[in-house]
Amino acid sequence: MFPGAFAGADYYAAQNGQMPAAPYISWETAASNIQDAVNAASTNDTVRVGAGRYRVPTNAVWWVGT
């Protein structure tokens, strides 16, 4: 296998007044809550979360593992 062969995409969540727009692939279009970014991501993807306080949404999905 080659290094990075399974590297996934980056998804973003932030509370900086941005205009959220799926699939949340930049800070400018970041999800306003973490769950939306997690829902857009899949295996080997990374969800990057900006500083701030986030509320757990009613549609939260709990994952165990990395």
C-alpha atoms as a PDB file:
ATOM      1  CA  MET A   1       0.000   0.000   0.000  1.00  0.00           C
ATOM      2  CA  PHE A   2       1.064   3.539  -0.656  1.00  0.00           C
ATOM      3  CA  PRO A   3       1.111   6.106   2.165  1.00  0.00           C
ATOM      4  CA  GLY A   4      -2.065   8.144   2.010  1.00  0.00           C
ATOM      5  CA  ALA A   5      -3.768   5.636  -0.283  1.00  0.00           C
ATOM      6  CA  PHE A   6      -6.761   5.600   2.041  1.00  0.00           C
ATOM      7  CA  ALA A   7      -6.748   9.276   2.937  1.00  0.00           C
ATOM      8  CA  GLY A   8     -10.262  10.634   3.083  1.00  0.00           C
ATOM      9  CA  ALA A   9     -11.789  14.026   2.628  1.00  0.00           C
ATOM     10  CA  ASP A  10     -11.987  16.783   5.239  1.00  0.00           C
ATOM     11  CA  TYR A  11     -15.340  18.099   6.473  1.00  0.00           C
ATOM     12  CA  TYR A  12     -15.776  21.147   8.689  1.00  0.00           C
ATOM     13  CA  ALA A  13     -17.985  22.361  11.528  1.00  0.00           C
ATOM     14  CA  ALA A  14     -17.730  25.879  12.921  1.00  0.00           C
ATOM     15  CA  GLN A  15     -19.689  28.657  14.541  1.00  0.00           C
ATOM     16  CA  ASN A  16     -18.134  31.684  12.894  1.00  0.00           C
ATOM     17  CA  GLY A  17     -21.102  33.164  11.056  1.00  0.00           C
ATOM     18  CA  GLN A  18     -20.321  31.259   7.871  1.00  0.00           C
ATOM     19  CA  MET A  19     -23.003  30.202   5.402  1.00  0.00           C
ATOM     20  CA  PRO A  20     -23.378  26.433   5.953  1.00  0.00           C
ATOM     21  CA  ALA A  21     -23.641  24.530   2.682  1.00  0.00           C
ATOM     22  CA  ALA A  22     -23.415  20.771   2.235  1.00  0.00           C
ATOM     23  CA  PRO A  23     -21.130  18.951   1.844  1.00  0.00           C
ATOM     24  CA  TYR A  24     -19.239  21.231   4.331  1.00  0.00           C
ATOM     25  CA  ILE A  25     -15.822  20.869   2.686  1.00  0.00           C
ATOM     26  CA  SER A  26     -14.366  24.253   3.641  1.00  0.00           C
ATOM     27  CA  TRP A  27     -14.403  26.648   6.592  1.00  0.00           C
ATOM     28  CA  GLU A  28     -16.472  29.076   4.501  1.00  0.00           C
ATOM     29  CA  THR A  29     -19.243  26.489   4.049  1.00  0.00           C
ATOM     30  CA  ALA A  30     -18.742  24.623   7.354  1.00  0.00           C
ATOM     31  CA  ALA A  31     -21.694  23.016   9.093  1.00  0.00           C
ATOM     32  CA  SER A  32     -22.966  25.024  12.051  1.00  0.00           C
ATOM     33  CA  ASN A  33     -23.140  21.849  14.136  1.00  0.00           C
ATOM     34  CA  ILE A  34     -20.864  18.843  14.376  1.00  0.00           C
ATOM     35  CA  GLN A  35     -23.534  16.233  13.620  1.00  0.00           C
ATOM     36  CA  ASP A  36     -24.218  17.619  10.124  1.00  0.00           C
ATOM     37  CA  ALA A  37     -20.507  17.362   9.273  1.00  0.00           C
ATOM     38  CA  VAL A  38     -20.349  13.817  10.688  1.00  0.00           C
ATOM     39  CA  ASN A  39     -23.397  12.827   8.640  1.00  0.00           C
ATOM     40  CA  ALA A  40     -21.708  14.130   5.460  1.00  0.00           C
ATOM     41  CA  ALA A  41     -18.469  12.234   6.167  1.00  0.00           C
ATOM     42  CA  SER A  42     -17.773   8.575   5.547  1.00  0.00           C
ATOM     43  CA  THR A  43     -15.019   6.033   6.222  1.00  0.00           C
ATOM     44  CA  ASN A  44     -11.485   7.508   6.356  1.00  0.00           C
ATOM     45  CA  ASP A  45     -12.810  11.089   6.310  1.00  0.00           C
ATOM     46  CA  THR A  46     -11.910  13.670   8.943  1.00  0.00           C
ATOM     47  CA  VAL A  47     -14.280  16.133  10.586  1.00  0.00           C
ATOM     48  CA  ARG A  48     -12.460  19.290  11.660  1.00  0.00           C
ATOM     49  CA  VAL A  49     -14.217  21.278  14.380  1.00  0.00           C
ATOM     50  CA  GLY A  50     -13.655  24.959  15.063  1.00  0.00           C
ATOM     51  CA  ALA A  51     -13.504  26.342  18.589  1.00  0.00           C
ATOM     52  CA  GLY A  52     -16.806  27.089  20.257  1.00  0.00           C
ATOM     53  CA  ARG A  53     -19.671  25.620  22.242  1.00  0.00           C
ATOM     54  CA  TYR A  54     -21.875  23.162  20.448  1.00  0.00           C
ATOM     55  CA  ARG A  55     -25.224  21.710  21.487  1.00  0.00           C
ATOM     56  CA  VAL A  56     -26.037  18.061  20.955  1.00  0.00           C
ATOM     57  CA  PRO A  57     -28.739  17.962  18.252  1.00  0.00           C
ATOM     58  CA  THR A  58     -31.811  15.782  18.586  1.00  0.00           C
ATOM     59  CA  ASN A  59     -30.582  13.643  15.668  1.00  0.00           C
ATOM     60  CA  ALA A  60     -27.230  12.850  17.316  1.00  0.00           C
ATOM     61  CA  VAL A  61     -25.539   9.585  16.347  1.00  0.00           C
ATOM     62  CA  TRP A  62     -23.111   8.146  18.875  1.00  0.00           C
ATOM     63  CA  TRP A  63     -20.075   6.395  17.455  1.00  0.00           C
ATOM     64  CA  VAL A  64     -17.638   4.151  19.292  1.00  0.00           C
ATOM     65  CA  GLY A  65     -14.124   3.921  17.930  1.00  0.00           C
ATOM     66  CA  THR A  66     -11.872   6.112  15.885  1.00  0.00           C
END
